[in-house]
Amino acid sequence: MTRSQKFKLLNKIDKRKKNFNALKHYVFYCNKCNFKITVSDRPDPYIECKVGNYFEYEVDRNEYGKYISKDDSNINGTFWSKPANSICLDCGNSLVLTQVENNNTCEKCKSKNIVFWYDLPNKKCPACNGKFGPRIIFNTNDELREWDFEESIECLSKTKKKYGIIEENETKELAEEEKRIIEKEMVLIQYFMNQRYVLDKNYNIIKFDCHRSFHSPFSIIVEWFNECDDGKIIFCMYFCEKNEKTYIAQTIENSKIKELISILDSYNYFKKPNKLDRLGYDGATWTLEVQIDNLYKEISVWSPDEGVIYEIGKLLIKYSGAIINELY
């Protein structure tokens, strides 16, 4: 990807985010089991369902569903989301229907007891004998996500209390200086991991991004001004696990920078056409963005096991001193 292509892509993404954030979102709750239905109001509505004791599945991610009661049945404890505008009130299936269709039938349970999302208030819940209450309106996606995050914390806490799960209090009171360091690091992480970081600079940069399906993304940046000088290497990760760190910054020797450039040259990085023929699901997307003098290029590949991105990425992890528990 060239510099102009990257600018166009990011501008397009920013526009879509702005448009999506401006959409209204509606939440419906069952008054008994808390079956929650969230609808994104747009020309092609999107419905997300969290049924009953869904949060009880989140108590222990390593033992999925361990704390679910044995007598729970039907669709309790499940979650799904997809483009849809209607709900089957017998099985909970969400589906797409048009207003002009008659005798609508659920493809899952063959029921005709189907309603459009805006008719949910006072309708019977598919998971119990309760009814859905009035819709809760959120004017932006940011507003919804902030509320949803706070609610998830509360629900998880109630679930643990219900099942007698006692959390060990390992959290120690942080000194003011420690808090300032953490806050500063988070600002730096957001700054360096921004997709426009390289585009906004006029010096030499090698930036490696790894976006993993099941773990936090991370970035490693090497930047330098002159070909004979040492540079700086920065490692950033939003959330870390045991033995990992979220932020590392240190000097990188000129000899190591030259080794990185040598690898780029061996692959004819700036002149060789991209061949993005390796795609897949889950896994991770490795991205390499390089700016040296007046040259710029970005390439991405899914879960590589060889090639320029693989070699540069592995070497940058080594040079940064970062520990990555799950690299894929």
C-alpha atoms as a PDB file:
ATOM      1  CA  MET A   1       0.000   0.000   0.000  1.00  0.00           C
ATOM      2  CA  THR A   2       1.315   3.426  -0.960  1.00  0.00           C
ATOM      3  CA  ARG A   3       1.139   6.554   1.191  1.00  0.00           C
ATOM      4  CA  SER A   4      -1.801   8.000  -0.801  1.00  0.00           C
ATOM      5  CA  GLN A   5      -3.638   4.666  -0.656  1.00  0.00           C
ATOM      6  CA  LYS A   6      -3.182   4.536   3.125  1.00  0.00           C
ATOM      7  CA  PHE A   7      -4.534   8.079   3.509  1.00  0.00           C
ATOM      8  CA  LYS A   8      -7.608   7.249   1.404  1.00  0.00           C
ATOM      9  CA  LEU A   9      -8.242   4.038   3.351  1.00  0.00           C
ATOM     10  CA  LEU A  10      -7.954   5.704   6.767  1.00  0.00           C
ATOM     11  CA  ASN A  11     -10.181   8.599   5.694  1.00  0.00           C
ATOM     12  CA  LYS A  12     -12.762   6.078   4.495  1.00  0.00           C
ATOM     13  CA  ILE A  13     -12.571   4.150   7.776  1.00  0.00           C
ATOM     14  CA  ASP A  14     -12.889   7.355   9.823  1.00  0.00           C
ATOM     15  CA  LYS A  15     -15.967   8.364   7.827  1.00  0.00           C
ATOM     16  CA  ARG A  16     -17.595   4.971   8.375  1.00  0.00           C
ATOM     17  CA  LYS A  17     -16.838   5.098  12.101  1.00  0.00           C
ATOM     18  CA  LYS A  18     -18.354   8.569  12.337  1.00  0.00           C
ATOM     19  CA  ASN A  19     -21.473   7.472  10.464  1.00  0.00           C
ATOM     20  CA  PHE A  20     -21.835   4.321  12.567  1.00  0.00           C
ATOM     21  CA  ASN A  21     -21.337   6.178  15.824  1.00  0.00           C
ATOM     22  CA  ALA A  22     -24.149   8.561  14.825  1.00  0.00           C
ATOM     23  CA  LEU A  23     -26.682   5.703  14.584  1.00  0.00           C
ATOM     24  CA  LYS A  24     -29.267   5.163  17.290  1.00  0.00           C
ATOM     25  CA  HIS A  25     -29.244   1.887  19.234  1.00  0.00           C
ATOM     26  CA  TYR A  26     -32.154   0.344  21.106  1.00  0.00           C
ATOM     27  CA  VAL A  27     -32.051  -2.136  23.971  1.00  0.00           C
ATOM     28  CA  PHE A  28     -34.958  -4.370  25.063  1.00  0.00           C
ATOM     29  CA  TYR A  29     -34.976  -6.417  28.302  1.00  0.00           C
ATOM     30  CA  CYS A  30     -37.121  -9.294  29.478  1.00  0.00           C
ATOM     31  CA  ASN A  31     -38.520  -8.393  32.914  1.00  0.00           C
ATOM     32  CA  LYS A  32     -37.736 -11.865  34.327  1.00  0.00           C
ATOM     33  CA  CYS A  33     -34.634 -13.479  32.809  1.00  0.00           C
ATOM     34  CA  ASN A  34     -32.908 -10.356  31.430  1.00  0.00           C
ATOM     35  CA  PHE A  35     -32.870 -11.622  27.850  1.00  0.00           C
ATOM     36  CA  LYS A  36     -31.263  -8.539  26.266  1.00  0.00           C
ATOM     37  CA  ILE A  37     -31.797  -7.581  22.637  1.00  0.00           C
ATOM     38  CA  THR A  38     -29.755  -4.715  21.183  1.00  0.00           C
ATOM     39  CA  VAL A  39     -30.756  -3.306  17.787  1.00  0.00           C
ATOM     40  CA  SER A  40     -28.635  -1.007  15.620  1.00  0.00           C
ATOM     41  CA  ASP A  41     -31.146   1.186  13.791  1.00  0.00           C
ATOM     42  CA  ARG A  42     -29.950   1.488  10.208  1.00  0.00           C
ATOM     43  CA  PRO A  43     -31.292   0.615   6.728  1.00  0.00           C
ATOM     44  CA  ASP A  44     -30.061  -2.967   7.305  1.00  0.00           C
ATOM     45  CA  PRO A  45     -30.728  -3.443  11.061  1.00  0.00           C
ATOM     46  CA  TYR A  46     -28.333  -5.516  13.142  1.00  0.00           C
ATOM     47  CA  ILE A  47     -29.555  -7.483  16.175  1.00  0.00           C
ATOM     48  CA  GLU A  48     -27.412  -8.711  19.069  1.00  0.00           C
ATOM     49  CA  CYS A  49     -28.862 -11.086  21.677  1.00  0.00           C
ATOM     50  CA  LYS A  50     -27.560 -11.998  25.138  1.00  0.00           C
ATOM     51  CA  VAL A  51     -29.865 -14.451  26.792  1.00  0.00           C
ATOM     52  CA  GLY A  52     -30.618 -14.801  30.491  1.00  0.00           C
ATOM     53  CA  ASN A  53     -27.511 -15.815  32.391  1.00  0.00           C
ATOM     54  CA  TYR A  54     -25.088 -15.098  29.546  1.00  0.00           C
ATOM     55  CA  PHE A  55     -22.648 -13.400  31.918  1.00  0.00           C
ATOM     56  CA  GLU A  56     -22.409 -16.578  33.973  1.00  0.00           C
ATOM     57  CA  TYR A  57     -20.419 -18.040  31.083  1.00  0.00           C
ATOM     58  CA  GLU A  58     -17.903 -15.242  31.498  1.00  0.00           C
ATOM     59  CA  VAL A  59     -17.030 -16.045  35.100  1.00  0.00           C
ATOM     60  CA  ASP A  60     -14.161 -18.292  34.046  1.00  0.00           C
ATOM     61  CA  ARG A  61     -13.071 -18.113  30.419  1.00  0.00           C
ATOM     62  CA  ASN A  62     -10.736 -21.086  30.844  1.00  0.00           C
ATOM     63  CA  GLU A  63     -13.641 -23.317  31.864  1.00  0.00           C
ATOM     64  CA  TYR A  64     -16.405 -22.050  29.620  1.00  0.00           C
ATOM     65  CA  GLY A  65     -19.817 -22.559  31.179  1.00  0.00           C
ATOM     66  CA  LYS A  66     -18.494 -24.167  34.374  1.00  0.00           C
ATOM     67  CA  TYR A  67     -20.826 -22.224  36.636  1.00  0.00           C
ATOM     68  CA  ILE A  68     -24.061 -22.720  34.685  1.00  0.00           C
ATOM     69  CA  SER A  69     -26.810 -24.454  36.659  1.00  0.00           C
ATOM     70  CA  LYS A  70     -27.533 -27.990  35.448  1.00  0.00           C
ATOM     71  CA  ASP A  71     -31.266 -27.289  35.233  1.00  0.00           C
ATOM     72  CA  ASP A  72     -30.839 -24.342  32.854  1.00  0.00           C
ATOM     73  CA  SER A  73     -32.443 -25.134  29.500  1.00  0.00           C
ATOM     74  CA  ASN A  74     -33.709 -23.713  26.229  1.00  0.00           C
ATOM     75  CA  ILE A  75     -31.517 -20.844  24.979  1.00  0.00           C
ATOM     76  CA  ASN A  76     -30.282 -19.576  28.334  1.00  0.00           C
ATOM     77  CA  GLY A  77     -26.638 -18.594  28.513  1.00  0.00           C
ATOM     78  CA  THR A  78     -26.187 -18.044  24.781  1.00  0.00           C
ATOM     79  CA  PHE A  79     -25.153 -15.102  22.624  1.00  0.00           C
ATOM     80  CA  TRP A  80     -25.473 -14.310  18.928  1.00  0.00           C
ATOM     81  CA  SER A  81     -25.469 -11.321  16.628  1.00  0.00           C
ATOM     82  CA  LYS A  82     -26.208 -10.886  12.931  1.00  0.00           C
ATOM     83  CA  PRO A  83     -27.991  -8.678  10.386  1.00  0.00           C
ATOM     84  CA  ALA A  84     -31.689  -9.068  11.223  1.00  0.00           C
ATOM     85  CA  ASN A  85     -34.876  -7.073  11.741  1.00  0.00           C
ATOM     86  CA  SER A  86     -37.138  -9.643  13.425  1.00  0.00           C
ATOM     87  CA  ILE A  87     -37.254 -12.101  16.315  1.00  0.00           C
ATOM     88  CA  CYS A  88     -38.976 -15.472  16.617  1.00  0.00           C
ATOM     89  CA  LEU A  89     -40.786 -15.411  19.963  1.00  0.00           C
ATOM     90  CA  ASP A  90     -40.722 -19.214  20.233  1.00  0.00           C
ATOM     91  CA  CYS A  91     -37.031 -20.025  19.758  1.00  0.00           C
ATOM     92  CA  GLY A  92     -35.358 -16.587  19.865  1.00  0.00           C
ATOM     93  CA  ASN A  93     -33.931 -16.823  16.364  1.00  0.00           C
ATOM     94  CA  SER A  94     -33.228 -13.457  14.743  1.00  0.00           C
ATOM     95  CA  LEU A  95     -33.965 -13.219  11.034  1.00  0.00           C
ATOM     96  CA  VAL A  96     -34.488 -10.847   8.121  1.00  0.00           C
ATOM     97  CA  LEU A  97     -38.054 -10.383   6.859  1.00  0.00           C
ATOM     98  CA  THR A  98     -39.815  -7.827   4.679  1.00  0.00           C
ATOM     99  CA  GLN A  99     -43.049  -6.082   5.617  1.00  0.00           C
ATOM    100  CA  VAL A 100     -44.872  -7.421   2.552  1.00  0.00           C
ATOM    101  CA  GLU A 101     -44.315 -11.085   3.403  1.00  0.00           C
ATOM    102  CA  ASN A 102     -47.320 -13.031   4.692  1.00  0.00           C
ATOM    103  CA  ASN A 103     -47.270 -16.137   6.872  1.00  0.00           C
ATOM    104  CA  ASN A 104     -43.667 -15.547   7.895  1.00  0.00           C
ATOM    105  CA  THR A 105     -42.014 -18.731   9.150  1.00  0.00           C
ATOM    106  CA  CYS A 106     -38.898 -19.128  11.287  1.00  0.00           C
ATOM    107  CA  GLU A 107     -36.377 -21.258   9.401  1.00  0.00           C
ATOM    108  CA  LYS A 108     -35.098 -22.655  12.704  1.00  0.00           C
ATOM    109  CA  CYS A 109     -38.249 -23.852  14.510  1.00  0.00           C
ATOM    110  CA  LYS A 110     -40.895 -23.308  11.772  1.00  0.00           C
ATOM    111  CA  SER A 111     -42.925 -21.066  14.080  1.00  0.00           C
ATOM    112  CA  LYS A 112     -45.006 -18.183  12.745  1.00  0.00           C
ATOM    113  CA  ASN A 113     -44.787 -16.294  16.041  1.00  0.00           C
ATOM    114  CA  ILE A 114     -42.439 -13.609  14.692  1.00  0.00           C
ATOM    115  CA  VAL A 115     -42.337  -9.856  15.320  1.00  0.00           C
ATOM    116  CA  PHE A 116     -40.313  -6.960  13.953  1.00  0.00           C
ATOM    117  CA  TRP A 117     -37.848  -5.510  16.470  1.00  0.00           C
ATOM    118  CA  TYR A 118     -39.823  -2.313  17.081  1.00  0.00           C
ATOM    119  CA  ASP A 119     -42.839  -4.414  18.184  1.00  0.00           C
ATOM    120  CA  LEU A 120     -40.923  -6.177  20.988  1.00  0.00           C
ATOM    121  CA  PRO A 121     -42.314  -4.198  23.994  1.00  0.00           C
ATOM    122  CA  ASN A 122     -44.823  -6.342  25.982  1.00  0.00           C
ATOM    123  CA  LYS A 123     -44.156  -9.396  23.790  1.00  0.00           C
ATOM    124  CA  LYS A 124     -43.423 -12.802  25.371  1.00  0.00           C
ATOM    125  CA  CYS A 125     -39.770 -13.652  25.977  1.00  0.00           C
ATOM    126  CA  PRO A 126     -38.573 -16.779  24.079  1.00  0.00           C
ATOM    127  CA  ALA A 127     -36.495 -17.930  27.075  1.00  0.00           C
ATOM    128  CA  CYS A 128     -39.112 -17.667  29.855  1.00  0.00           C
ATOM    129  CA  ASN A 129     -42.629 -16.479  30.648  1.00  0.00           C
ATOM    130  CA  GLY A 130     -41.555 -12.874  31.035  1.00  0.00           C
ATOM    131  CA  LYS A 131     -42.197  -9.943  28.726  1.00  0.00           C
ATOM    132  CA  PHE A 132     -39.980  -7.371  27.060  1.00  0.00           C
ATOM    133  CA  GLY A 133     -40.129  -3.880  28.506  1.00  0.00           C
ATOM    134  CA  PRO A 134     -39.967  -0.487  26.742  1.00  0.00           C
ATOM    135  CA  ARG A 135     -36.932   0.193  24.620  1.00  0.00           C
ATOM    136  CA  ILE A 136     -33.899   1.978  26.071  1.00  0.00           C
ATOM    137  CA  ILE A 137     -32.541   4.489  23.554  1.00  0.00           C
ATOM    138  CA  PHE A 138     -28.860   5.342  22.979  1.00  0.00           C
ATOM    139  CA  ASN A 139     -28.102   8.152  20.559  1.00  0.00           C
ATOM    140  CA  THR A 140     -24.540   7.055  19.688  1.00  0.00           C
ATOM    141  CA  ASN A 141     -22.539   3.846  19.623  1.00  0.00           C
ATOM    142  CA  ASP A 142     -20.030   5.327  22.093  1.00  0.00           C
ATOM    143  CA  GLU A 143     -22.870   5.997  24.519  1.00  0.00           C
ATOM    144  CA  LEU A 144     -24.091   2.396  24.186  1.00  0.00           C
ATOM    145  CA  ARG A 145     -20.654   0.827  24.635  1.00  0.00           C
ATOM    146  CA  GLU A 146     -19.885   2.870  27.737  1.00  0.00           C
ATOM    147  CA  TRP A 147     -23.176   1.772  29.315  1.00  0.00           C
ATOM    148  CA  ASP A 148     -22.695  -1.826  28.164  1.00  0.00           C
ATOM    149  CA  PHE A 149     -19.215  -1.992  29.707  1.00  0.00           C
ATOM    150  CA  GLU A 150     -20.436  -0.742  33.081  1.00  0.00           C
ATOM    151  CA  GLU A 151     -23.346  -3.180  32.970  1.00  0.00           C
ATOM    152  CA  SER A 152     -21.096  -6.148  32.198  1.00  0.00           C
ATOM    153  CA  ILE A 153     -18.938  -5.424  35.248  1.00  0.00           C
ATOM    154  CA  GLU A 154     -22.034  -5.265  37.455  1.00  0.00           C
ATOM    155  CA  CYS A 155     -23.506  -8.478  36.010  1.00  0.00           C
ATOM    156  CA  LEU A 156     -20.262 -10.402  36.420  1.00  0.00           C
ATOM    157  CA  SER A 157     -20.014  -9.273  40.024  1.00  0.00           C
ATOM    158  CA  LYS A 158     -23.585 -10.418  40.737  1.00  0.00           C
ATOM    159  CA  THR A 159     -22.949 -13.763  39.041  1.00  0.00           C
ATOM    160  CA  LYS A 160     -19.858 -14.472  41.127  1.00  0.00           C
ATOM    161  CA  LYS A 161     -21.781 -13.607  44.276  1.00  0.00           C
ATOM    162  CA  LYS A 162     -24.654 -15.877  43.224  1.00  0.00           C
ATOM    163  CA  TYR A 163     -22.363 -18.890  42.787  1.00  0.00           C
ATOM    164  CA  GLY A 164     -20.291 -18.175  45.860  1.00  0.00           C
ATOM    165  CA  ILE A 165     -17.147 -17.382  43.911  1.00  0.00           C
ATOM    166  CA  ILE A 166     -14.740 -15.449  46.100  1.00  0.00           C
ATOM    167  CA  GLU A 167     -12.180 -13.297  44.322  1.00  0.00           C
ATOM    168  CA  GLU A 168      -8.764 -13.074  45.885  1.00  0.00           C
ATOM    169  CA  ASN A 169      -7.937  -9.472  46.596  1.00  0.00           C
ATOM    170  CA  GLU A 170      -4.553  -9.174  44.918  1.00  0.00           C
ATOM    171  CA  THR A 171      -4.972  -5.530  43.978  1.00  0.00           C
ATOM    172  CA  LYS A 172      -2.689  -3.261  45.937  1.00  0.00           C
ATOM    173  CA  GLU A 173      -3.174   0.426  46.391  1.00  0.00           C
ATOM    174  CA  LEU A 174      -1.055   2.224  43.829  1.00  0.00           C
ATOM    175  CA  ALA A 175       1.024   5.184  44.855  1.00  0.00           C
ATOM    176  CA  GLU A 176       0.317   8.446  43.050  1.00  0.00           C
ATOM    177  CA  GLU A 177       3.596   8.188  41.159  1.00  0.00           C
ATOM    178  CA  GLU A 178       2.714   4.692  39.910  1.00  0.00           C
ATOM    179  CA  LYS A 179      -0.680   5.924  38.753  1.00  0.00           C
ATOM    180  CA  ARG A 180       0.926   8.773  36.822  1.00  0.00           C
ATOM    181  CA  ILE A 181       3.317   6.337  35.126  1.00  0.00           C
ATOM    182  CA  ILE A 182       0.456   4.041  34.092  1.00  0.00           C
ATOM    183  CA  GLU A 183      -1.601   6.960  32.779  1.00  0.00           C
ATOM    184  CA  LYS A 184       1.386   8.297  30.845  1.00  0.00           C
ATOM    185  CA  GLU A 185       2.086   4.888  29.323  1.00  0.00           C
ATOM    186  CA  MET A 186      -1.522   4.544  28.162  1.00  0.00           C
ATOM    187  CA  VAL A 187      -1.327   7.922  26.421  1.00  0.00           C
ATOM    188  CA  LEU A 188       1.922   6.851  24.730  1.00  0.00           C
ATOM    189  CA  ILE A 189       0.453   3.484  23.686  1.00  0.00           C
ATOM    190  CA  GLN A 190      -2.506   5.191  22.021  1.00  0.00           C
ATOM    191  CA  TYR A 191      -0.133   7.655  20.351  1.00  0.00           C
ATOM    192  CA  PHE A 192       2.258   5.079  18.910  1.00  0.00           C
ATOM    193  CA  MET A 193      -0.416   2.534  17.903  1.00  0.00           C
ATOM    194  CA  ASN A 194      -2.425   5.101  15.963  1.00  0.00           C
ATOM    195  CA  GLN A 195      -2.764   4.067  12.324  1.00  0.00           C
ATOM    196  CA  ARG A 196      -1.643   7.522  11.190  1.00  0.00           C
ATOM    197  CA  TYR A 197       1.523   7.547  13.276  1.00  0.00           C
ATOM    198  CA  VAL A 198       3.957   6.854  10.417  1.00  0.00           C
ATOM    199  CA  LEU A 199       2.079   9.030   7.925  1.00  0.00           C
ATOM    200  CA  ASP A 200       2.371  12.030  10.226  1.00  0.00           C
ATOM    201  CA  LYS A 201       6.186  11.765  10.579  1.00  0.00           C
ATOM    202  CA  ASN A 202       9.009  12.836   8.257  1.00  0.00           C
ATOM    203  CA  TYR A 203      11.818  10.588   9.518  1.00  0.00           C
ATOM    204  CA  ASN A 204      12.768   6.924   9.135  1.00  0.00           C
ATOM    205  CA  ILE A 205      10.363   4.425  10.707  1.00  0.00           C
ATOM    206  CA  ILE A 206       9.774   0.683  10.648  1.00  0.00           C
ATOM    207  CA  LYS A 207       6.429  -0.178  12.262  1.00  0.00           C
ATOM    208  CA  PHE A 208       5.220  -3.715  12.871  1.00  0.00           C
ATOM    209  CA  ASP A 209       1.615  -4.365  13.924  1.00  0.00           C
ATOM    210  CA  CYS A 210       0.178  -7.714  14.979  1.00  0.00           C
ATOM    211  CA  HIS A 211      -3.608  -7.907  15.322  1.00  0.00           C
ATOM    212  CA  ARG A 212      -4.513 -11.198  17.021  1.00  0.00           C
ATOM    213  CA  SER A 213      -8.015 -12.686  17.056  1.00  0.00           C
ATOM    214  CA  PHE A 214      -8.042 -13.767  20.700  1.00  0.00           C
ATOM    215  CA  HIS A 215      -5.443 -11.527  22.342  1.00  0.00           C
ATOM    216  CA  SER A 216      -4.573  -7.861  22.516  1.00  0.00           C
ATOM    217  CA  PRO A 217      -2.936  -6.302  19.431  1.00  0.00           C
ATOM    218  CA  PHE A 218       0.597  -5.016  19.763  1.00  0.00           C
ATOM    219  CA  SER A 219       2.974  -2.764  17.826  1.00  0.00           C
ATOM    220  CA  ILE A 220       6.723  -2.403  17.634  1.00  0.00           C
ATOM    221  CA  ILE A 221       8.260   0.767  16.196  1.00  0.00           C
ATOM    222  CA  VAL A 222      11.850   1.523  15.284  1.00  0.00           C
ATOM    223  CA  GLU A 223      12.652   5.120  14.375  1.00  0.00           C
ATOM    224  CA  TRP A 224      15.898   6.919  13.555  1.00  0.00           C
ATOM    225  CA  PHE A 225      17.047  10.161  11.886  1.00  0.00           C
ATOM    226  CA  ASN A 226      20.465   9.522  10.313  1.00  0.00           C
ATOM    227  CA  GLU A 227      21.888   6.335   8.835  1.00  0.00           C
ATOM    228  CA  CYS A 228      24.882   6.380  11.192  1.00  0.00           C
ATOM    229  CA  ASP A 229      22.992   7.062  14.424  1.00  0.00           C
ATOM    230  CA  ASP A 230      21.344   4.792  16.937  1.00  0.00           C
ATOM    231  CA  GLY A 231      17.566   4.912  17.097  1.00  0.00           C
ATOM    232  CA  LYS A 232      14.660   4.182  19.398  1.00  0.00           C
ATOM    233  CA  ILE A 233      12.542   1.040  19.641  1.00  0.00           C
ATOM    234  CA  ILE A 234       9.090   1.118  21.235  1.00  0.00           C
ATOM    235  CA  PHE A 235       6.841  -1.824  22.116  1.00  0.00           C
ATOM    236  CA  CYS A 236       3.139  -1.196  22.823  1.00  0.00           C
ATOM    237  CA  MET A 237       0.273  -3.502  23.827  1.00  0.00           C
ATOM    238  CA  TYR A 238      -3.117  -2.351  25.121  1.00  0.00           C
ATOM    239  CA  PHE A 239      -3.673  -5.241  27.534  1.00  0.00           C
ATOM    240  CA  CYS A 240      -1.095  -7.700  28.783  1.00  0.00           C
ATOM    241  CA  GLU A 241      -1.176 -11.119  30.404  1.00  0.00           C
ATOM    242  CA  LYS A 242       1.118 -12.779  32.916  1.00  0.00           C
ATOM    243  CA  ASN A 243       4.829 -12.017  32.367  1.00  0.00           C
ATOM    244  CA  GLU A 244       4.015  -9.532  29.587  1.00  0.00           C
ATOM    245  CA  LYS A 245       4.406  -5.742  29.548  1.00  0.00           C
ATOM    246  CA  THR A 246       2.248  -3.113  27.898  1.00  0.00           C
ATOM    247  CA  TYR A 247       5.006  -0.604  27.126  1.00  0.00           C
ATOM    248  CA  ILE A 248       8.761  -0.772  26.547  1.00  0.00           C
ATOM    249  CA  ALA A 249      10.967   2.021  25.141  1.00  0.00           C
ATOM    250  CA  GLN A 250      14.720   1.865  24.742  1.00  0.00           C
ATOM    251  CA  THR A 251      17.654   2.653  22.454  1.00  0.00           C
ATOM    252  CA  ILE A 252      18.365   0.381  19.500  1.00  0.00           C
ATOM    253  CA  GLU A 253      21.915   0.199  18.159  1.00  0.00           C
ATOM    254  CA  ASN A 254      22.680   1.347  14.620  1.00  0.00           C
ATOM    255  CA  SER A 255      24.002  -2.129  13.767  1.00  0.00           C
ATOM    256  CA  LYS A 256      20.570  -3.635  14.493  1.00  0.00           C
ATOM    257  CA  ILE A 257      18.853  -0.986  12.366  1.00  0.00           C
ATOM    258  CA  LYS A 258      21.190  -1.870   9.499  1.00  0.00           C
ATOM    259  CA  GLU A 259      20.318  -5.551   9.951  1.00  0.00           C
ATOM    260  CA  LEU A 260      16.631  -4.699   9.584  1.00  0.00           C
ATOM    261  CA  ILE A 261      17.327  -2.630   6.463  1.00  0.00           C
ATOM    262  CA  SER A 262      19.411  -5.480   5.068  1.00  0.00           C
ATOM    263  CA  ILE A 263      16.420  -7.825   5.362  1.00  0.00           C
ATOM    264  CA  LEU A 264      14.192  -5.295   3.612  1.00  0.00           C
ATOM    265  CA  ASP A 265      16.749  -4.961   0.810  1.00  0.00           C
ATOM    266  CA  SER A 266      17.080  -8.732   0.442  1.00  0.00           C
ATOM    267  CA  TYR A 267      13.341  -8.897  -0.305  1.00  0.00           C
ATOM    268  CA  ASN A 268      13.472  -5.822  -2.550  1.00  0.00           C
ATOM    269  CA  TYR A 269      10.796  -4.463  -0.226  1.00  0.00           C
ATOM    270  CA  PHE A 270       9.997  -1.134  -1.884  1.00  0.00           C
ATOM    271  CA  LYS A 271       9.943  -2.422  -5.469  1.00  0.00           C
ATOM    272  CA  LYS A 272       8.569  -5.944  -5.278  1.00  0.00           C
ATOM    273  CA  PRO A 273       4.771  -6.166  -5.882  1.00  0.00           C
ATOM    274  CA  ASN A 274       2.619  -7.448  -3.036  1.00  0.00           C
ATOM    275  CA  LYS A 275       1.215 -10.968  -3.270  1.00  0.00           C
ATOM    276  CA  LEU A 276      -1.556 -11.248  -0.685  1.00  0.00           C
ATOM    277  CA  ASP A 277      -2.502 -14.868  -1.335  1.00  0.00           C
ATOM    278  CA  ARG A 278      -2.430 -16.027   2.286  1.00  0.00           C
ATOM    279  CA  LEU A 279      -5.784 -15.469   3.987  1.00  0.00           C
ATOM    280  CA  GLY A 280      -7.673 -17.193   6.797  1.00  0.00           C
ATOM    281  CA  TYR A 281      -9.941 -16.912   9.815  1.00  0.00           C
ATOM    282  CA  ASP A 282      -8.980 -16.233  13.412  1.00  0.00           C
ATOM    283  CA  GLY A 283      -5.177 -16.292  13.594  1.00  0.00           C
ATOM    284  CA  ALA A 284      -3.502 -12.879  13.317  1.00  0.00           C
ATOM    285  CA  THR A 285      -2.819 -10.197  10.735  1.00  0.00           C
ATOM    286  CA  TRP A 286       0.810  -9.070  10.599  1.00  0.00           C
ATOM    287  CA  THR A 287       1.389  -5.627   9.077  1.00  0.00           C
ATOM    288  CA  LEU A 288       4.668  -3.991   8.164  1.00  0.00           C
ATOM    289  CA  GLU A 289       4.768  -0.243   7.466  1.00  0.00           C
ATOM    290  CA  VAL A 290       8.122   1.204   6.428  1.00  0.00           C
ATOM    291  CA  GLN A 291       9.221   4.764   5.685  1.00  0.00           C
ATOM    292  CA  ILE A 292      12.876   5.353   4.794  1.00  0.00           C
ATOM    293  CA  ASP A 293      13.957   8.641   3.209  1.00  0.00           C
ATOM    294  CA  ASN A 294      11.325   9.325   0.536  1.00  0.00           C
ATOM    295  CA  LEU A 295      10.205   5.698   0.229  1.00  0.00           C
ATOM    296  CA  TYR A 296       7.020   4.359   1.836  1.00  0.00           C
ATOM    297  CA  LYS A 297       5.207   1.047   1.696  1.00  0.00           C
ATOM    298  CA  GLU A 298       2.816  -1.007   3.842  1.00  0.00           C
ATOM    299  CA  ILE A 299       1.991  -4.701   3.440  1.00  0.00           C
ATOM    300  CA  SER A 300      -0.142  -7.123   5.470  1.00  0.00           C
ATOM    301  CA  VAL A 301      -0.469 -10.892   5.601  1.00  0.00           C
ATOM    302  CA  TRP A 302      -2.434 -13.347   7.695  1.00  0.00           C
ATOM    303  CA  SER A 303      -0.419 -15.483  10.162  1.00  0.00           C
ATOM    304  CA  PRO A 304       2.836 -15.674   8.148  1.00  0.00           C
ATOM    305  CA  ASP A 305       5.459 -18.343   8.726  1.00  0.00           C
ATOM    306  CA  GLU A 306       8.049 -16.957   6.300  1.00  0.00           C
ATOM    307  CA  GLY A 307       8.830 -13.876   4.237  1.00  0.00           C
ATOM    308  CA  VAL A 308       9.796 -10.296   4.970  1.00  0.00           C
ATOM    309  CA  ILE A 309       7.028  -9.546   7.492  1.00  0.00           C
ATOM    310  CA  TYR A 310       7.766 -12.747   9.381  1.00  0.00           C
ATOM    311  CA  GLU A 311      11.520 -12.113   9.546  1.00  0.00           C
ATOM    312  CA  ILE A 312      11.208  -8.428  10.468  1.00  0.00           C
ATOM    313  CA  GLY A 313       8.444  -9.100  12.994  1.00  0.00           C
ATOM    314  CA  LYS A 314      10.323 -11.862  14.802  1.00  0.00           C
ATOM    315  CA  LEU A 315      13.506  -9.785  14.893  1.00  0.00           C
ATOM    316  CA  LEU A 316      11.668  -6.742  16.266  1.00  0.00           C
ATOM    317  CA  ILE A 317      10.146  -8.816  19.050  1.00  0.00           C
ATOM    318  CA  LYS A 318      13.651 -10.003  19.936  1.00  0.00           C
ATOM    319  CA  TYR A 319      15.161  -6.514  19.807  1.00  0.00           C
ATOM    320  CA  SER A 320      12.366  -4.969  21.898  1.00  0.00           C
ATOM    321  CA  GLY A 321      12.769  -7.544  24.671  1.00  0.00           C
ATOM    322  CA  ALA A 322       9.003  -8.065  24.756  1.00  0.00           C
ATOM    323  CA  ILE A 323       7.493 -11.334  25.949  1.00  0.00           C
ATOM    324  CA  ILE A 324       4.539 -12.483  23.821  1.00  0.00           C
ATOM    325  CA  ASN A 325       2.763 -15.436  25.408  1.00  0.00           C
ATOM    326  CA  GLU A 326       0.606 -16.127  22.368  1.00  0.00           C
ATOM    327  CA  LEU A 327       2.149 -15.306  18.999  1.00  0.00           C
ATOM    328  CA  TYR A 328       0.321 -16.596  15.956  1.00  0.00           C
END
